[in-house]
C-alpha atoms as a PDB file:
ATOM      1  CA  UNK A   1      18.091  13.440   9.684  1.00  0.00           C
ATOM      2  CA  UNK A   2      15.486  11.321   6.711  1.00  0.00           C
ATOM      3  CA  UNK A   3      17.612   7.945   6.481  1.00  0.00           C
ATOM      4  CA  UNK A   4      17.929   5.303   3.330  1.00  0.00           C
ATOM      5  CA  UNK A   5      15.639   2.566   3.932  1.00  0.00           C
ATOM      6  CA  UNK A   6      13.569   1.557   1.769  1.00  0.00           C
ATOM      7  CA  UNK A   7       9.968   0.961   2.438  1.00  0.00           C
ATOM      8  CA  UNK A   8       6.732  -0.076   0.572  1.00  0.00           C
ATOM      9  CA  UNK A   9       3.145   0.798   2.132  1.00  0.00           C
ATOM     10  CA  UNK A  10      -0.290  -0.313   0.367  1.00  0.00           C
ATOM     11  CA  UNK A  11      -3.391   1.965   1.032  1.00  0.00           C
ATOM     12  CA  UNK A  12      -6.524   1.148   0.655  1.00  0.00           C
ATOM     13  CA  UNK A  13      -9.519   2.960   0.945  1.00  0.00           C
ATOM     14  CA  UNK A  14     -13.699   1.696   0.431  1.00  0.00           C
ATOM     15  CA  UNK A  15     -15.682   4.072   2.990  1.00  0.00           C
ATOM     16  CA  UNK A  16     -16.886   7.854   1.874  1.00  0.00           C
ATOM     17  CA  UNK A  17     -14.502   9.779  -1.148  1.00  0.00           C
ATOM     18  CA  UNK A  18     -12.012   7.189  -1.091  1.00  0.00           C
ATOM     19  CA  UNK A  19      -9.068   8.684  -4.052  1.00  0.00           C
ATOM     20  CA  UNK A  20      -9.432  11.377  -1.195  1.00  0.00           C
ATOM     21  CA  UNK A  21      -8.494   9.234   1.612  1.00  0.00           C
ATOM     22  CA  UNK A  22      -5.645   7.920  -0.415  1.00  0.00           C
ATOM     23  CA  UNK A  23      -3.851  11.655  -1.405  1.00  0.00           C
ATOM     24  CA  UNK A  24      -4.775  12.530   2.432  1.00  0.00           C
ATOM     25  CA  UNK A  25      -2.813   9.525   3.349  1.00  0.00           C
ATOM     26  CA  UNK A  26       0.277   9.955   0.834  1.00  0.00           C
ATOM     27  CA  UNK A  27       0.241  13.630   1.802  1.00  0.00           C
ATOM     28  CA  UNK A  28       0.248  12.599   5.823  1.00  0.00           C
ATOM     29  CA  UNK A  29       3.160   9.945   4.938  1.00  0.00           C
ATOM     30  CA  UNK A  30       5.411  13.126   2.984  1.00  0.00           C
ATOM     31  CA  UNK A  31       4.579  15.678   5.734  1.00  0.00           C
ATOM     32  CA  UNK A  32       6.499  13.648   7.908  1.00  0.00           C
ATOM     33  CA  UNK A  33      10.364  15.126   8.788  1.00  0.00           C
ATOM     34  CA  UNK A  34      11.308  11.614   8.680  1.00  0.00           C
ATOM     35  CA  UNK A  35       9.602   9.844   5.436  1.00  0.00           C
ATOM     36  CA  UNK A  36      10.369  10.853   1.817  1.00  0.00           C
ATOM     37  CA  UNK A  37       7.817   9.895  -0.287  1.00  0.00           C
ATOM     38  CA  UNK A  38       9.444   8.357  -4.356  1.00  0.00           C
ATOM     39  CA  UNK A  39       7.149   7.111  -5.516  1.00  0.00           C
ATOM     40  CA  UNK A  40       3.176   6.533  -5.945  1.00  0.00           C
ATOM     41  CA  UNK A  41       1.534   3.548  -7.876  1.00  0.00           C
ATOM     42  CA  UNK A  42      -1.465   3.769  -9.878  1.00  0.00           C
ATOM     43  CA  UNK A  43      -4.777   3.440  -7.982  1.00  0.00           C
ATOM     44  CA  UNK A  44      -6.750   0.293  -8.745  1.00  0.00           C
ATOM     45  CA  UNK A  45      -9.595  -0.501  -8.174  1.00  0.00           C
ATOM     46  CA  UNK A  46     -10.474  -3.733  -7.076  1.00  0.00           C
ATOM     47  CA  UNK A  47     -13.601  -6.431  -5.316  1.00  0.00           C
ATOM     48  CA  UNK A  48     -13.038  -6.843  -1.427  1.00  0.00           C
ATOM     49  CA  UNK A  49     -11.606  -9.671   0.116  1.00  0.00           C
ATOM     50  CA  UNK A  50     -12.919 -11.700   3.163  1.00  0.00           C
ATOM     51  CA  UNK A  51     -16.154  -9.423   3.921  1.00  0.00           C
ATOM     52  CA  UNK A  52     -17.665  -9.713   0.422  1.00  0.00           C
ATOM     53  CA  UNK A  53     -20.737  -6.943   1.032  1.00  0.00           C
ATOM     54  CA  UNK A  54     -19.217  -4.102   1.524  1.00  0.00           C
ATOM     55  CA  UNK A  55     -18.444  -1.276  -1.361  1.00  0.00           C
ATOM     56  CA  UNK A  56     -15.314  -1.610  -3.455  1.00  0.00           C
ATOM     57  CA  UNK A  57     -11.334  -0.555  -2.517  1.00  0.00           C
ATOM     58  CA  UNK A  58      -9.398   1.756  -4.159  1.00  0.00           C
ATOM     59  CA  UNK A  59      -5.873   0.414  -3.397  1.00  0.00           C
ATOM     60  CA  UNK A  60      -2.159   1.667  -4.009  1.00  0.00           C
ATOM     61  CA  UNK A  61       1.500   1.177  -3.069  1.00  0.00           C
ATOM     62  CA  UNK A  62       3.992   4.070  -2.367  1.00  0.00           C
ATOM     63  CA  UNK A  63       7.515   3.602  -1.695  1.00  0.00           C
ATOM     64  CA  UNK A  64       9.032   5.749   0.396  1.00  0.00           C
ATOM     65  CA  UNK A  65      12.722   6.652   2.578  1.00  0.00           C
ATOM     66  CA  UNK A  66      13.197   6.530   6.330  1.00  0.00           C
ATOM     67  CA  UNK A  67      15.108   6.608   9.228  1.00  0.00           C
ATOM     68  CA  UNK A  68      12.328   5.597  11.439  1.00  0.00           C
ATOM     69  CA  UNK A  69      12.705   1.650  12.745  1.00  0.00           C
ATOM     70  CA  UNK A  70       9.564  -0.638  11.407  1.00  0.00           C
ATOM     71  CA  UNK A  71       7.716  -0.263  14.815  1.00  0.00           C
ATOM     72  CA  UNK A  72       8.360   3.570  14.167  1.00  0.00           C
ATOM     73  CA  UNK A  73       6.829   4.031  11.563  1.00  0.00           C
ATOM     74  CA  UNK A  74       4.215   1.264  12.463  1.00  0.00           C
ATOM     75  CA  UNK A  75       3.390   3.847  15.049  1.00  0.00           C
ATOM     76  CA  UNK A  76       3.142   6.924  12.290  1.00  0.00           C
ATOM     77  CA  UNK A  77       0.654   4.420   9.596  1.00  0.00           C
ATOM     78  CA  UNK A  78      -1.604   3.838  12.521  1.00  0.00           C
ATOM     79  CA  UNK A  79      -1.651   7.874  13.502  1.00  0.00           C
ATOM     80  CA  UNK A  80      -2.892   8.519  10.207  1.00  0.00           C
ATOM     81  CA  UNK A  81      -5.403   5.855  10.012  1.00  0.00           C
ATOM     82  CA  UNK A  82      -6.533   7.168  12.908  1.00  0.00           C
ATOM     83  CA  UNK A  83      -6.448  10.653  11.892  1.00  0.00           C
ATOM     84  CA  UNK A  84      -8.005   9.547   8.307  1.00  0.00           C
ATOM     85  CA  UNK A  85     -11.246   8.235  10.558  1.00  0.00           C
ATOM     86  CA  UNK A  86      -9.953   4.999  10.353  1.00  0.00           C
ATOM     87  CA  UNK A  87     -12.478   2.585  12.869  1.00  0.00           C
ATOM     88  CA  UNK A  88     -11.244  -0.647  13.316  1.00  0.00           C
ATOM     89  CA  UNK A  89     -14.487  -2.577  14.000  1.00  0.00           C
ATOM     90  CA  UNK A  90     -14.160  -6.243  11.344  1.00  0.00           C
ATOM     91  CA  UNK A  91     -11.532  -7.542  10.227  1.00  0.00           C
ATOM     92  CA  UNK A  92     -11.443  -7.217   6.575  1.00  0.00           C
ATOM     93  CA  UNK A  93     -14.289  -4.583   7.440  1.00  0.00           C
ATOM     94  CA  UNK A  94     -15.011  -1.117   5.329  1.00  0.00           C
ATOM     95  CA  UNK A  95     -12.726   1.549   6.541  1.00  0.00           C
ATOM     96  CA  UNK A  96     -12.009   4.999   4.926  1.00  0.00           C
ATOM     97  CA  UNK A  97      -7.972   4.219   5.243  1.00  0.00           C
ATOM     98  CA  UNK A  98      -6.146   1.190   5.742  1.00  0.00           C
ATOM     99  CA  UNK A  99      -1.430   1.457   5.706  1.00  0.00           C
ATOM    100  CA  UNK A 100       0.610  -1.924   5.802  1.00  0.00           C
ATOM    101  CA  UNK A 101       4.155  -1.712   5.594  1.00  0.00           C
ATOM    102  CA  UNK A 102       4.823  -4.807   3.251  1.00  0.00           C
ATOM    103  CA  UNK A 103       8.437  -4.500   2.688  1.00  0.00           C
ATOM    104  CA  UNK A 104      11.428  -2.319   4.780  1.00  0.00           C
ATOM    105  CA  UNK A 105      14.854  -2.807   2.910  1.00  0.00           C
ATOM    106  CA  UNK A 106      14.717  -6.694   2.750  1.00  0.00           C
ATOM    107  CA  UNK A 107      14.478  -7.173   6.656  1.00  0.00           C
ATOM    108  CA  UNK A 108      12.540 -10.413   7.943  1.00  0.00           C
ATOM    109  CA  UNK A 109      10.382  -9.506  10.828  1.00  0.00           C
ATOM    110  CA  UNK A 110       8.361 -11.221  12.918  1.00  0.00           C
ATOM    111  CA  UNK A 111       6.361  -9.345  15.959  1.00  0.00           C
ATOM    112  CA  UNK A 112       2.917  -9.450  17.948  1.00  0.00           C
ATOM    113  CA  UNK A 113       2.283  -6.106  16.409  1.00  0.00           C
ATOM    114  CA  UNK A 114       3.890  -6.566  12.734  1.00  0.00           C
ATOM    115  CA  UNK A 115       4.909  -9.072  10.382  1.00  0.00           C
ATOM    116  CA  UNK A 116       7.751  -8.251   7.486  1.00  0.00           C
ATOM    117  CA  UNK A 117       7.508  -9.158   4.697  1.00  0.00           C
ATOM    118  CA  UNK A 118       3.662  -8.559   5.169  1.00  0.00           C
ATOM    119  CA  UNK A 119       2.206 -12.334   5.153  1.00  0.00           C
ATOM    120  CA  UNK A 120      -0.317 -12.338   2.933  1.00  0.00           C
ATOM    121  CA  UNK A 121       0.873 -10.172   0.408  1.00  0.00           C
ATOM    122  CA  UNK A 122       2.239 -12.886  -1.581  1.00  0.00           C
ATOM    123  CA  UNK A 123      -1.208 -13.007  -2.490  1.00  0.00           C
ATOM    124  CA  UNK A 124      -3.043  -9.910  -3.052  1.00  0.00           C
ATOM    125  CA  UNK A 125      -3.631  -8.848  -6.649  1.00  0.00           C
ATOM    126  CA  UNK A 126      -4.214  -5.352  -5.475  1.00  0.00           C
ATOM    127  CA  UNK A 127      -1.285  -5.638  -3.262  1.00  0.00           C
ATOM    128  CA  UNK A 128       0.892  -7.294  -5.604  1.00  0.00           C
ATOM    129  CA  UNK A 129       0.204  -5.424  -8.960  1.00  0.00           C
ATOM    130  CA  UNK A 130       1.365  -1.999  -7.972  1.00  0.00           C
ATOM    131  CA  UNK A 131       4.243  -2.888  -6.643  1.00  0.00           C
ATOM    132  CA  UNK A 132       5.253  -4.519  -9.649  1.00  0.00           C
ATOM    133  CA  UNK A 133       3.975  -0.715 -11.551  1.00  0.00           C
ATOM    134  CA  UNK A 134       6.282   1.148  -9.204  1.00  0.00           C
ATOM    135  CA  UNK A 135       9.392  -1.557  -8.946  1.00  0.00           C
ATOM    136  CA  UNK A 136       8.925  -4.035 -11.871  1.00  0.00           C
ATOM    137  CA  UNK A 137      12.813  -5.496 -11.592  1.00  0.00           C
ATOM    138  CA  UNK A 138      11.712  -6.313  -7.097  1.00  0.00           C
ATOM    139  CA  UNK A 139      13.407  -9.350  -5.964  1.00  0.00           C
ATOM    140  CA  UNK A 140      11.399 -10.816  -3.038  1.00  0.00           C
ATOM    141  CA  UNK A 141      11.749 -14.428  -0.926  1.00  0.00           C
ATOM    142  CA  UNK A 142      13.597 -16.532  -2.202  1.00  0.00           C
ATOM    143  CA  UNK A 143      15.462 -14.359  -4.757  1.00  0.00           C
ATOM    144  CA  UNK A 144      11.664 -14.379  -7.219  1.00  0.00           C
ATOM    145  CA  UNK A 145      10.964 -11.933  -9.233  1.00  0.00           C
ATOM    146  CA  UNK A 146       7.852  -9.884  -8.465  1.00  0.00           C
ATOM    147  CA  UNK A 147       6.761 -10.962 -11.860  1.00  0.00           C
ATOM    148  CA  UNK A 148       7.134 -14.693 -10.787  1.00  0.00           C
ATOM    149  CA  UNK A 149       4.618 -13.645  -8.077  1.00  0.00           C
ATOM    150  CA  UNK A 150       1.612 -11.718 -10.015  1.00  0.00           C
ATOM    151  CA  UNK A 151       1.848 -14.767 -12.936  1.00  0.00           C
ATOM    152  CA  UNK A 152       0.685 -16.648 -10.201  1.00  0.00           C
ATOM    153  CA  UNK A 153      -2.198 -15.124  -8.819  1.00  0.00           C
ATOM    154  CA  UNK A 154      -5.787 -15.997  -9.176  1.00  0.00           C
ATOM    155  CA  UNK A 155      -7.369 -12.735  -8.577  1.00  0.00           C
ATOM    156  CA  UNK A 156      -5.007 -10.716 -10.886  1.00  0.00           C
ATOM    157  CA  UNK A 157      -8.715  -9.830 -12.909  1.00  0.00           C
ATOM    158  CA  UNK A 158     -10.802  -8.586 -10.099  1.00  0.00           C
ATOM    159  CA  UNK A 159      -7.412  -5.791  -9.917  1.00  0.00           C
ATOM    160  CA  UNK A 160      -8.516  -3.015 -12.694  1.00  0.00           C
ATOM    161  CA  UNK A 161      -6.497  -0.216 -13.450  1.00  0.00           C
ATOM    162  CA  UNK A 162      -8.896   3.044 -11.493  1.00  0.00           C
ATOM    163  CA  UNK A 163      -6.276   6.641 -11.903  1.00  0.00           C
ATOM    164  CA  UNK A 164      -2.850   6.417 -13.379  1.00  0.00           C
ATOM    165  CA  UNK A 165      -0.060   7.787 -11.876  1.00  0.00           C
ATOM    166  CA  UNK A 166       1.613   8.796 -14.527  1.00  0.00           C
ATOM    167  CA  UNK A 167       0.391  11.794 -16.314  1.00  0.00           C
ATOM    168  CA  UNK A 168      -1.084  11.478 -20.009  1.00  0.00           C
ATOM    169  CA  UNK A 169      -3.161   8.610 -19.750  1.00  0.00           C
ATOM    170  CA  UNK A 170      -6.601   7.981 -19.236  1.00  0.00           C
ATOM    171  CA  UNK A 171      -6.900   9.729 -16.257  1.00  0.00           C
ATOM    172  CA  UNK A 172      -4.599  11.786 -15.101  1.00  0.00           C
ATOM    173  CA  UNK A 173      -1.814  12.025 -12.894  1.00  0.00           C
ATOM    174  CA  UNK A 174      -2.240  11.033  -9.105  1.00  0.00           C
ATOM    175  CA  UNK A 175       0.447  13.075  -7.624  1.00  0.00           C
ATOM    176  CA  UNK A 176      -0.714  16.144  -5.454  1.00  0.00           C
END
């Protein structure tokens, strides 16, 4: 049975066919009986953060509805990464697919294996800009709007729309 918890997940890829990795990960999320993908942002291309000597990333954010607990969802996202060929060698290193749970039903969670809201999401344009696109009225911590967080970013120039999720724009739709 599908639950009513709203969750936002960031996806990224910079190894191999980046767009295919993103599409497969979104499909795998949606194939899970306890997850329903509600919205997908456009795909954005961004320069790597941390380890900069690697290919550019394609990034996006999806909004899902689920009945899963945060830890159950984490297990599924890690399984999708593993199925997608993700090998954890170097922090912030090159990867086929990366899924990060950003927000889970307005909850604050701090465990060794999971922190929600995602601890670095508020300083990352490649997360906030796609999130803003699919949820422009979102209020985040301290009731600040997503616009306030995006306006304070210093790296948003490095986030370029690569493919639109909305038909009729220059790159066409990104929905399976």
